Amino acid sequence: MAGHGGDVIKELETDHREVEELFAQIMQATGEHRKSLLDEVTIELVRHSVAEEAYLYPAVREHVGGGDAMADREVEDHAKVERLLKEIEDTEAGDPRLDTLATTLVDEVTSHIRDEEQNLFPALRAACSQADLEVLGNQVRRSKATAPTRPHPGAPSSPTARKVLAPGVGLIDRVRDYVSDRGAA
């Protein structure tokens, strides 16, 4: 999920389609292959979430009527998914709980995607100019490039903390990924 180009909504919708494709593969896979695909989707979901929390949700709070409640709900969803991703990360490929965790992840994230695409994105598009959406798209792409790749459920989720801490944590995660060949598939 490198940058795709376009405004923030196009960028994030493309991420969503890529995650859905990975979910289809995960639900068909077993054992080590499933675990590898879960590592891959974890990398993408963490990067996506960090970027949304740093740039998308602050824009929703600023520009959309009722945006605070909308953004709060999405951040809560992210926290729940991040805890789930951490549990998946800590579960071995042969553990029978992995099947349940994978199904729960697919259900939670699919519901989150649907909510964003049916409610948040249309509200943001109505409230912002195309130029503003393009700027946000560029910010999100830059954020994803340096974001962490592993779940850190205890990390602060405020936009300021995400902008300041994410690049350093992301660098450490990418070094760990490189050394362990995680996400190399």
N, C-alpha and C. Protein backbone atom coordinates (compact mmCIF):
# COMPACT_ATOMS: atom_id res chain seq x y z
N MET A 1 0.83 -1.19 0.00
CA MET A 1 0.00 0.00 0.00
C MET A 1 0.86 1.24 0.00
N ALA A 2 1.67 1.34 -0.97
CA ALA A 2 2.41 2.59 -1.13
C ALA A 2 1.40 3.64 -1.54
N GLY A 3 1.85 4.83 -1.79
CA GLY A 3 0.93 5.87 -2.22
C GLY A 3 0.33 5.54 -3.58
N HIS A 4 -0.94 5.83 -3.73
CA HIS A 4 -1.65 5.53 -4.96
C HIS A 4 -1.89 6.77 -5.80
N GLY A 5 -1.84 7.93 -5.20
CA GLY A 5 -2.14 9.17 -5.90
C GLY A 5 -3.60 9.55 -5.74
N GLY A 6 -3.88 10.79 -6.04
CA GLY A 6 -5.26 11.26 -5.93
C GLY A 6 -5.55 11.89 -4.59
N ASP A 7 -6.81 12.27 -4.45
CA ASP A 7 -7.21 12.90 -3.20
C ASP A 7 -7.26 11.87 -2.07
N VAL A 8 -7.46 12.35 -0.86
CA VAL A 8 -7.40 11.48 0.31
C VAL A 8 -8.44 10.37 0.24
N ILE A 9 -9.60 10.65 -0.28
CA ILE A 9 -10.65 9.64 -0.33
C ILE A 9 -10.29 8.55 -1.34
N LYS A 10 -9.79 8.93 -2.50
CA LYS A 10 -9.36 7.93 -3.48
C LYS A 10 -8.22 7.10 -2.92
N GLU A 11 -7.28 7.76 -2.27
CA GLU A 11 -6.13 7.07 -1.66
C GLU A 11 -6.60 6.01 -0.68
N LEU A 12 -7.48 6.40 0.23
CA LEU A 12 -7.90 5.48 1.28
C LEU A 12 -8.83 4.40 0.75
N GLU A 13 -9.67 4.73 -0.23
CA GLU A 13 -10.53 3.71 -0.83
C GLU A 13 -9.68 2.65 -1.56
N THR A 14 -8.60 3.07 -2.19
CA THR A 14 -7.71 2.11 -2.84
C THR A 14 -7.07 1.20 -1.79
N ASP A 15 -6.64 1.78 -0.66
CA ASP A 15 -6.13 0.97 0.45
C ASP A 15 -7.19 -0.06 0.87
N HIS A 16 -8.43 0.40 1.00
CA HIS A 16 -9.51 -0.49 1.44
C HIS A 16 -9.66 -1.68 0.49
N ARG A 17 -9.61 -1.43 -0.82
CA ARG A 17 -9.76 -2.52 -1.79
C ARG A 17 -8.59 -3.52 -1.66
N GLU A 18 -7.39 -3.00 -1.42
CA GLU A 18 -6.23 -3.87 -1.26
C GLU A 18 -6.36 -4.73 0.00
N VAL A 19 -6.85 -4.15 1.07
CA VAL A 19 -7.06 -4.90 2.31
C VAL A 19 -8.13 -5.98 2.09
N GLU A 20 -9.19 -5.63 1.40
CA GLU A 20 -10.23 -6.62 1.13
C GLU A 20 -9.68 -7.79 0.30
N GLU A 21 -8.80 -7.51 -0.66
CA GLU A 21 -8.16 -8.57 -1.43
C GLU A 21 -7.31 -9.47 -0.53
N LEU A 22 -6.56 -8.86 0.38
CA LEU A 22 -5.77 -9.65 1.32
C LEU A 22 -6.68 -10.49 2.21
N PHE A 23 -7.80 -9.93 2.65
CA PHE A 23 -8.73 -10.69 3.49
C PHE A 23 -9.25 -11.93 2.75
N ALA A 24 -9.56 -11.80 1.48
CA ALA A 24 -10.03 -12.95 0.71
C ALA A 24 -8.96 -14.04 0.67
N GLN A 25 -7.70 -13.63 0.51
CA GLN A 25 -6.60 -14.61 0.51
C GLN A 25 -6.43 -15.24 1.89
N ILE A 26 -6.52 -14.42 2.94
CA ILE A 26 -6.37 -14.92 4.30
C ILE A 26 -7.42 -15.97 4.62
N MET A 27 -8.65 -15.74 4.20
CA MET A 27 -9.73 -16.66 4.54
C MET A 27 -9.60 -17.98 3.79
N GLN A 28 -8.84 -18.01 2.70
CA GLN A 28 -8.61 -19.24 1.95
C GLN A 28 -7.34 -19.98 2.41
N ALA A 29 -6.43 -19.27 3.03
CA ALA A 29 -5.13 -19.83 3.40
C ALA A 29 -5.19 -20.56 4.73
N THR A 30 -4.14 -21.35 4.98
CA THR A 30 -4.01 -22.06 6.25
C THR A 30 -2.56 -21.98 6.71
N GLY A 31 -2.36 -22.32 7.97
CA GLY A 31 -1.02 -22.48 8.54
C GLY A 31 -0.10 -21.29 8.36
N GLU A 32 1.14 -21.58 7.97
CA GLU A 32 2.18 -20.54 7.84
C GLU A 32 1.82 -19.52 6.77
N HIS A 33 1.16 -19.97 5.70
CA HIS A 33 0.79 -19.02 4.64
C HIS A 33 -0.24 -18.02 5.18
N ARG A 34 -1.21 -18.49 5.96
CA ARG A 34 -2.19 -17.59 6.55
C ARG A 34 -1.49 -16.61 7.48
N LYS A 35 -0.58 -17.10 8.30
CA LYS A 35 0.14 -16.24 9.24
C LYS A 35 0.94 -15.18 8.48
N SER A 36 1.56 -15.56 7.38
CA SER A 36 2.32 -14.60 6.57
C SER A 36 1.40 -13.52 5.99
N LEU A 37 0.24 -13.94 5.50
CA LEU A 37 -0.73 -12.97 4.97
C LEU A 37 -1.26 -12.07 6.08
N LEU A 38 -1.45 -12.62 7.26
CA LEU A 38 -1.89 -11.79 8.40
C LEU A 38 -0.81 -10.76 8.76
N ASP A 39 0.46 -11.15 8.69
CA ASP A 39 1.55 -10.18 8.90
C ASP A 39 1.47 -9.07 7.86
N GLU A 40 1.24 -9.45 6.61
CA GLU A 40 1.17 -8.47 5.52
C GLU A 40 0.01 -7.49 5.73
N VAL A 41 -1.16 -8.01 6.08
CA VAL A 41 -2.31 -7.12 6.29
C VAL A 41 -2.11 -6.27 7.53
N THR A 42 -1.42 -6.80 8.53
CA THR A 42 -1.12 -6.00 9.73
C THR A 42 -0.27 -4.79 9.37
N ILE A 43 0.76 -5.00 8.58
CA ILE A 43 1.63 -3.90 8.15
C ILE A 43 0.78 -2.82 7.48
N GLU A 44 -0.07 -3.23 6.57
CA GLU A 44 -0.88 -2.27 5.81
C GLU A 44 -1.90 -1.57 6.70
N LEU A 45 -2.56 -2.30 7.57
CA LEU A 45 -3.57 -1.69 8.43
C LEU A 45 -2.96 -0.71 9.43
N VAL A 46 -1.81 -1.05 9.98
CA VAL A 46 -1.18 -0.14 10.94
C VAL A 46 -0.77 1.16 10.24
N ARG A 47 -0.14 1.05 9.08
CA ARG A 47 0.27 2.26 8.34
C ARG A 47 -0.94 3.11 7.98
N HIS A 48 -1.99 2.47 7.51
CA HIS A 48 -3.23 3.16 7.12
C HIS A 48 -3.85 3.87 8.32
N SER A 49 -3.92 3.19 9.45
CA SER A 49 -4.53 3.77 10.65
C SER A 49 -3.76 4.96 11.18
N VAL A 50 -2.44 4.84 11.19
CA VAL A 50 -1.61 5.95 11.67
C VAL A 50 -1.85 7.19 10.80
N ALA A 51 -1.89 7.00 9.50
CA ALA A 51 -2.11 8.13 8.59
C ALA A 51 -3.49 8.74 8.78
N GLU A 52 -4.51 7.90 8.95
CA GLU A 52 -5.85 8.43 9.17
C GLU A 52 -5.92 9.24 10.46
N GLU A 53 -5.31 8.71 11.53
CA GLU A 53 -5.37 9.40 12.81
C GLU A 53 -4.57 10.70 12.81
N ALA A 54 -3.50 10.75 12.04
CA ALA A 54 -2.68 11.96 11.99
C ALA A 54 -3.30 13.04 11.12
N TYR A 55 -4.00 12.67 10.03
CA TYR A 55 -4.45 13.67 9.07
C TYR A 55 -5.94 13.64 8.75
N LEU A 56 -6.50 12.46 8.50
CA LEU A 56 -7.90 12.39 8.09
C LEU A 56 -8.84 12.83 9.21
N TYR A 57 -8.71 12.23 10.38
CA TYR A 57 -9.66 12.52 11.44
C TYR A 57 -9.57 13.96 11.95
N PRO A 58 -8.37 14.56 12.04
CA PRO A 58 -8.34 15.99 12.37
C PRO A 58 -9.09 16.83 11.34
N ALA A 59 -9.00 16.48 10.07
CA ALA A 59 -9.73 17.22 9.03
C ALA A 59 -11.23 17.03 9.19
N VAL A 60 -11.66 15.84 9.54
CA VAL A 60 -13.08 15.58 9.78
C VAL A 60 -13.56 16.41 10.97
N ARG A 61 -12.78 16.46 12.02
CA ARG A 61 -13.15 17.27 13.20
C ARG A 61 -13.28 18.74 12.83
N GLU A 62 -12.38 19.22 11.98
CA GLU A 62 -12.36 20.64 11.63
C GLU A 62 -13.45 21.02 10.64
N HIS A 63 -13.74 20.18 9.68
CA HIS A 63 -14.60 20.59 8.56
C HIS A 63 -16.01 20.02 8.55
N VAL A 64 -16.24 18.89 9.22
CA VAL A 64 -17.53 18.20 9.11
C VAL A 64 -18.37 18.48 10.35
N GLY A 65 -19.62 18.86 10.13
CA GLY A 65 -20.54 19.02 11.26
C GLY A 65 -20.71 17.67 11.95
N GLY A 66 -20.56 17.65 13.27
CA GLY A 66 -20.62 16.39 14.01
C GLY A 66 -19.35 15.57 13.83
N GLY A 67 -18.31 16.20 13.31
CA GLY A 67 -17.07 15.49 13.01
C GLY A 67 -16.35 14.93 14.23
N ASP A 68 -16.49 15.59 15.37
CA ASP A 68 -15.83 15.07 16.58
C ASP A 68 -16.34 13.68 16.91
N ALA A 69 -17.65 13.51 16.94
CA ALA A 69 -18.24 12.21 17.27
C ALA A 69 -17.86 11.17 16.22
N MET A 70 -17.89 11.59 14.96
CA MET A 70 -17.54 10.68 13.86
C MET A 70 -16.08 10.21 14.01
N ALA A 71 -15.17 11.14 14.22
CA ALA A 71 -13.75 10.81 14.36
C ALA A 71 -13.50 9.97 15.61
N ASP A 72 -14.17 10.31 16.71
CA ASP A 72 -14.00 9.53 17.94
C ASP A 72 -14.38 8.07 17.72
N ARG A 73 -15.47 7.84 17.01
CA ARG A 73 -15.93 6.46 16.74
C ARG A 73 -14.88 5.71 15.91
N GLU A 74 -14.32 6.38 14.92
CA GLU A 74 -13.33 5.73 14.07
C GLU A 74 -12.04 5.43 14.84
N VAL A 75 -11.61 6.35 15.70
CA VAL A 75 -10.42 6.12 16.52
C VAL A 75 -10.65 4.94 17.47
N GLU A 76 -11.85 4.84 18.04
CA GLU A 76 -12.18 3.68 18.89
C GLU A 76 -12.10 2.39 18.09
N ASP A 77 -12.59 2.40 16.87
CA ASP A 77 -12.49 1.21 16.00
C ASP A 77 -11.02 0.85 15.79
N HIS A 78 -10.19 1.85 15.53
CA HIS A 78 -8.76 1.60 15.31
C HIS A 78 -8.13 0.96 16.54
N ALA A 79 -8.47 1.45 17.72
CA ALA A 79 -7.89 0.92 18.95
C ALA A 79 -8.27 -0.55 19.13
N LYS A 80 -9.51 -0.87 18.84
CA LYS A 80 -9.98 -2.26 18.95
C LYS A 80 -9.23 -3.15 17.95
N VAL A 81 -9.08 -2.69 16.72
CA VAL A 81 -8.39 -3.47 15.70
C VAL A 81 -6.91 -3.59 16.05
N GLU A 82 -6.30 -2.54 16.58
CA GLU A 82 -4.88 -2.61 16.92
C GLU A 82 -4.63 -3.64 18.03
N ARG A 83 -5.53 -3.71 19.01
CA ARG A 83 -5.39 -4.73 20.06
C ARG A 83 -5.51 -6.13 19.44
N LEU A 84 -6.44 -6.29 18.52
CA LEU A 84 -6.63 -7.56 17.83
C LEU A 84 -5.39 -7.93 17.00
N LEU A 85 -4.82 -6.95 16.30
CA LEU A 85 -3.61 -7.18 15.51
C LEU A 85 -2.45 -7.61 16.41
N LYS A 86 -2.35 -7.02 17.59
CA LYS A 86 -1.29 -7.40 18.52
C LYS A 86 -1.49 -8.85 18.97
N GLU A 87 -2.72 -9.24 19.22
CA GLU A 87 -3.01 -10.62 19.61
C GLU A 87 -2.66 -11.59 18.47
N ILE A 88 -2.98 -11.20 17.25
CA ILE A 88 -2.63 -12.02 16.08
C ILE A 88 -1.11 -12.13 15.95
N GLU A 89 -0.41 -11.01 16.12
CA GLU A 89 1.05 -11.01 16.03
C GLU A 89 1.66 -11.98 17.04
N ASP A 90 1.06 -12.08 18.21
CA ASP A 90 1.58 -12.92 19.29
C ASP A 90 1.09 -14.37 19.22
N THR A 91 0.32 -14.72 18.20
CA THR A 91 -0.24 -16.06 18.06
C THR A 91 0.51 -16.83 16.99
N GLU A 92 0.91 -18.05 17.30
CA GLU A 92 1.64 -18.90 16.36
C GLU A 92 0.73 -19.40 15.25
N ALA A 93 1.31 -19.71 14.11
CA ALA A 93 0.56 -20.16 12.93
C ALA A 93 -0.30 -21.40 13.22
N GLY A 94 0.18 -22.32 14.05
CA GLY A 94 -0.55 -23.55 14.33
C GLY A 94 -1.59 -23.45 15.44
N ASP A 95 -1.67 -22.30 16.08
CA ASP A 95 -2.62 -22.11 17.18
C ASP A 95 -4.05 -22.08 16.63
N PRO A 96 -4.93 -22.91 17.15
CA PRO A 96 -6.31 -22.93 16.63
C PRO A 96 -7.06 -21.60 16.82
N ARG A 97 -6.62 -20.76 17.73
CA ARG A 97 -7.26 -19.46 17.94
C ARG A 97 -7.05 -18.52 16.75
N LEU A 98 -6.04 -18.79 15.93
CA LEU A 98 -5.73 -17.90 14.81
C LEU A 98 -6.90 -17.81 13.83
N ASP A 99 -7.61 -18.90 13.62
CA ASP A 99 -8.77 -18.87 12.72
C ASP A 99 -9.83 -17.90 13.22
N THR A 100 -10.14 -17.97 14.50
CA THR A 100 -11.13 -17.07 15.10
C THR A 100 -10.66 -15.63 15.05
N LEU A 101 -9.40 -15.42 15.37
CA LEU A 101 -8.84 -14.06 15.34
C LEU A 101 -8.89 -13.49 13.93
N ALA A 102 -8.56 -14.29 12.93
CA ALA A 102 -8.59 -13.83 11.54
C ALA A 102 -10.01 -13.45 11.13
N THR A 103 -10.98 -14.28 11.48
CA THR A 103 -12.38 -13.99 11.15
C THR A 103 -12.85 -12.72 11.84
N THR A 104 -12.49 -12.55 13.10
CA THR A 104 -12.87 -11.35 13.84
C THR A 104 -12.25 -10.12 13.20
N LEU A 105 -10.98 -10.21 12.80
CA LEU A 105 -10.30 -9.09 12.15
C LEU A 105 -11.04 -8.70 10.87
N VAL A 106 -11.34 -9.67 10.04
CA VAL A 106 -12.04 -9.39 8.79
C VAL A 106 -13.37 -8.71 9.07
N ASP A 107 -14.13 -9.21 10.03
CA ASP A 107 -15.43 -8.63 10.35
C ASP A 107 -15.31 -7.20 10.86
N GLU A 108 -14.37 -6.97 11.78
CA GLU A 108 -14.20 -5.63 12.38
C GLU A 108 -13.77 -4.60 11.32
N VAL A 109 -12.77 -4.96 10.53
CA VAL A 109 -12.23 -4.01 9.56
C VAL A 109 -13.24 -3.78 8.42
N THR A 110 -13.93 -4.82 8.00
CA THR A 110 -14.94 -4.66 6.95
C THR A 110 -16.05 -3.71 7.41
N SER A 111 -16.47 -3.82 8.64
CA SER A 111 -17.48 -2.92 9.20
C SER A 111 -16.95 -1.48 9.24
N HIS A 112 -15.70 -1.32 9.65
CA HIS A 112 -15.07 0.01 9.72
C HIS A 112 -14.98 0.63 8.32
N ILE A 113 -14.58 -0.16 7.33
CA ILE A 113 -14.48 0.33 5.96
C ILE A 113 -15.85 0.80 5.47
N ARG A 114 -16.85 0.00 5.71
CA ARG A 114 -18.21 0.34 5.27
C ARG A 114 -18.66 1.66 5.90
N ASP A 115 -18.40 1.83 7.19
CA ASP A 115 -18.80 3.06 7.88
C ASP A 115 -18.07 4.27 7.29
N GLU A 116 -16.77 4.15 7.09
CA GLU A 116 -16.02 5.27 6.50
C GLU A 116 -16.55 5.62 5.12
N GLU A 117 -16.74 4.62 4.29
CA GLU A 117 -17.11 4.88 2.90
C GLU A 117 -18.55 5.35 2.75
N GLN A 118 -19.43 4.94 3.65
CA GLN A 118 -20.83 5.34 3.54
C GLN A 118 -21.14 6.63 4.29
N ASN A 119 -20.35 6.96 5.30
CA ASN A 119 -20.66 8.12 6.14
C ASN A 119 -19.57 9.19 6.14
N LEU A 120 -18.38 8.80 6.57
CA LEU A 120 -17.31 9.77 6.76
C LEU A 120 -16.83 10.37 5.44
N PHE A 121 -16.53 9.54 4.45
CA PHE A 121 -15.99 10.06 3.19
C PHE A 121 -16.97 11.00 2.48
N PRO A 122 -18.25 10.64 2.36
CA PRO A 122 -19.17 11.59 1.70
C PRO A 122 -19.28 12.92 2.46
N ALA A 123 -19.28 12.85 3.79
CA ALA A 123 -19.37 14.08 4.59
C ALA A 123 -18.13 14.95 4.38
N LEU A 124 -16.96 14.32 4.33
CA LEU A 124 -15.72 15.07 4.12
C LEU A 124 -15.69 15.67 2.72
N ARG A 125 -16.09 14.90 1.71
CA ARG A 125 -16.10 15.40 0.34
C ARG A 125 -17.03 16.61 0.21
N ALA A 126 -18.16 16.57 0.91
CA ALA A 126 -19.12 17.68 0.86
C ALA A 126 -18.59 18.92 1.57
N ALA A 127 -17.72 18.72 2.56
CA ALA A 127 -17.25 19.84 3.39
C ALA A 127 -15.94 20.46 2.93
N CYS A 128 -15.20 19.77 2.08
CA CYS A 128 -13.86 20.25 1.70
C CYS A 128 -13.79 20.50 0.19
N SER A 129 -12.90 21.39 -0.17
CA SER A 129 -12.64 21.62 -1.59
C SER A 129 -11.80 20.47 -2.12
N GLN A 130 -11.78 20.33 -3.44
CA GLN A 130 -10.94 19.31 -4.06
C GLN A 130 -9.47 19.56 -3.74
N ALA A 131 -9.08 20.81 -3.70
CA ALA A 131 -7.69 21.15 -3.37
C ALA A 131 -7.33 20.68 -1.96
N ASP A 132 -8.25 20.89 -1.02
CA ASP A 132 -8.01 20.42 0.35
C ASP A 132 -7.88 18.90 0.40
N LEU A 133 -8.73 18.21 -0.35
CA LEU A 133 -8.68 16.74 -0.38
C LEU A 133 -7.37 16.25 -1.00
N GLU A 134 -6.87 16.97 -1.99
CA GLU A 134 -5.58 16.62 -2.61
C GLU A 134 -4.43 16.80 -1.61
N VAL A 135 -4.45 17.91 -0.88
CA VAL A 135 -3.42 18.15 0.14
C VAL A 135 -3.45 17.04 1.18
N LEU A 136 -4.64 16.68 1.64
CA LEU A 136 -4.77 15.59 2.61
C LEU A 136 -4.25 14.28 2.04
N GLY A 137 -4.53 14.02 0.76
CA GLY A 137 -4.02 12.81 0.12
C GLY A 137 -2.50 12.75 0.16
N ASN A 138 -1.86 13.89 -0.13
CA ASN A 138 -0.40 13.94 -0.08
C ASN A 138 0.12 13.72 1.34
N GLN A 139 -0.55 14.31 2.33
CA GLN A 139 -0.13 14.13 3.72
C GLN A 139 -0.27 12.66 4.14
N VAL A 140 -1.36 12.04 3.76
CA VAL A 140 -1.59 10.63 4.11
C VAL A 140 -0.52 9.75 3.45
N ARG A 141 -0.21 9.99 2.20
CA ARG A 141 0.82 9.19 1.51
C ARG A 141 2.17 9.33 2.20
N ARG A 142 2.55 10.55 2.55
CA ARG A 142 3.83 10.76 3.25
C ARG A 142 3.82 10.06 4.61
N SER A 143 2.71 10.13 5.31
CA SER A 143 2.60 9.50 6.62
C SER A 143 2.74 7.98 6.53
N LYS A 144 2.08 7.39 5.55
CA LYS A 144 2.15 5.93 5.40
C LYS A 144 3.58 5.47 5.09
N ALA A 145 4.34 6.30 4.40
CA ALA A 145 5.70 5.93 4.03
C ALA A 145 6.62 5.79 5.23
N THR A 146 6.35 6.49 6.32
CA THR A 146 7.21 6.44 7.50
C THR A 146 6.53 5.84 8.73
N ALA A 147 5.29 5.42 8.58
CA ALA A 147 4.50 4.93 9.72
C ALA A 147 5.02 3.59 10.24
N PRO A 148 4.70 3.28 11.48
CA PRO A 148 5.01 1.96 12.02
C PRO A 148 4.35 0.85 11.18
N THR A 149 4.89 -0.36 11.31
CA THR A 149 4.35 -1.51 10.58
C THR A 149 3.87 -2.61 11.52
N ARG A 150 3.98 -2.35 12.80
CA ARG A 150 3.55 -3.32 13.82
C ARG A 150 2.56 -2.63 14.76
N PRO A 151 1.66 -3.42 15.32
CA PRO A 151 0.70 -2.81 16.25
C PRO A 151 1.38 -2.38 17.54
N HIS A 152 1.00 -1.20 18.01
CA HIS A 152 1.49 -0.64 19.27
C HIS A 152 0.27 -0.12 20.03
N PRO A 153 -0.54 -1.05 20.59
CA PRO A 153 -1.81 -0.61 21.20
C PRO A 153 -1.67 0.38 22.35
N GLY A 154 -0.51 0.43 22.98
CA GLY A 154 -0.32 1.37 24.09
C GLY A 154 0.15 2.74 23.66
N ALA A 155 0.43 2.91 22.38
CA ALA A 155 0.95 4.19 21.89
C ALA A 155 -0.15 5.24 21.87
N PRO A 156 0.21 6.50 22.11
CA PRO A 156 -0.80 7.56 22.06
C PRO A 156 -1.38 7.69 20.65
N SER A 157 -2.68 8.01 20.57
CA SER A 157 -3.32 8.10 19.25
C SER A 157 -3.68 9.53 18.87
N SER A 158 -3.21 10.49 19.63
CA SER A 158 -3.51 11.88 19.27
C SER A 158 -2.79 12.22 17.96
N PRO A 159 -3.36 13.11 17.17
CA PRO A 159 -2.72 13.46 15.89
C PRO A 159 -1.29 13.98 16.07
N THR A 160 -1.07 14.79 17.07
CA THR A 160 0.27 15.34 17.30
C THR A 160 1.25 14.23 17.65
N ALA A 161 0.86 13.33 18.54
CA ALA A 161 1.74 12.21 18.92
C ALA A 161 2.02 11.33 17.71
N ARG A 162 1.01 11.06 16.90
CA ARG A 162 1.20 10.23 15.71
C ARG A 162 2.21 10.89 14.75
N LYS A 163 2.11 12.20 14.58
CA LYS A 163 3.00 12.90 13.65
C LYS A 163 4.44 12.91 14.16
N VAL A 164 4.61 13.05 15.48
CA VAL A 164 5.95 13.17 16.06
C VAL A 164 6.60 11.80 16.27
N LEU A 165 5.85 10.84 16.82
CA LEU A 165 6.43 9.56 17.20
C LEU A 165 6.46 8.53 16.08
N ALA A 166 5.48 8.57 15.19
CA ALA A 166 5.33 7.51 14.18
C ALA A 166 6.58 7.30 13.32
N PRO A 167 7.25 8.34 12.83
CA PRO A 167 8.42 8.07 11.98
C PRO A 167 9.53 7.30 12.70
N GLY A 168 9.79 7.62 13.96
CA GLY A 168 10.83 6.91 14.71
C GLY A 168 10.44 5.47 15.00
N VAL A 169 9.21 5.28 15.43
CA VAL A 169 8.71 3.93 15.69
C VAL A 169 8.66 3.15 14.38
N GLY A 170 8.25 3.82 13.30
CA GLY A 170 8.20 3.18 12.00
C GLY A 170 9.56 2.69 11.54
N LEU A 171 10.59 3.50 11.77
CA LEU A 171 11.94 3.10 11.40
C LEU A 171 12.36 1.84 12.15
N ILE A 172 12.11 1.82 13.44
CA ILE A 172 12.44 0.64 14.25
C ILE A 172 11.67 -0.58 13.75
N ASP A 173 10.39 -0.41 13.47
CA ASP A 173 9.58 -1.54 12.97
C ASP A 173 10.13 -2.05 11.64
N ARG A 174 10.47 -1.15 10.73
CA ARG A 174 10.97 -1.58 9.43
C ARG A 174 12.31 -2.31 9.54
N VAL A 175 13.16 -1.89 10.49
CA VAL A 175 14.42 -2.61 10.73
C VAL A 175 14.10 -4.02 11.25
N ARG A 176 13.19 -4.11 12.20
CA ARG A 176 12.78 -5.43 12.72
C ARG A 176 12.20 -6.29 11.60
N ASP A 177 11.38 -5.69 10.74
CA ASP A 177 10.79 -6.44 9.62
C ASP A 177 11.87 -6.95 8.68
N TYR A 178 12.85 -6.11 8.39
CA TYR A 178 13.93 -6.49 7.47
C TYR A 178 14.74 -7.65 8.06
N VAL A 179 15.11 -7.55 9.31
CA VAL A 179 15.93 -8.57 9.96
C VAL A 179 15.19 -9.91 10.02
N SER A 180 13.86 -9.85 10.20
CA SER A 180 13.08 -11.08 10.36
C SER A 180 12.43 -11.55 9.05
N ASP A 181 12.61 -10.81 7.97
CA ASP A 181 11.96 -11.09 6.68
C ASP A 181 10.44 -10.99 6.75
N ARG A 182 9.93 -10.30 7.74
CA ARG A 182 8.49 -10.13 7.90
C ARG A 182 7.96 -9.23 6.77
N GLY A 183 6.91 -9.66 6.13
CA GLY A 183 6.31 -8.89 5.07
C GLY A 183 7.06 -8.96 3.76
N ALA A 184 8.03 -9.85 3.67
CA ALA A 184 8.84 -9.95 2.45
C ALA A 184 8.15 -10.76 1.35
N ALA A 185 7.06 -11.41 1.68
CA ALA A 185 6.38 -12.29 0.72
C ALA A 185 5.83 -11.56 -0.48
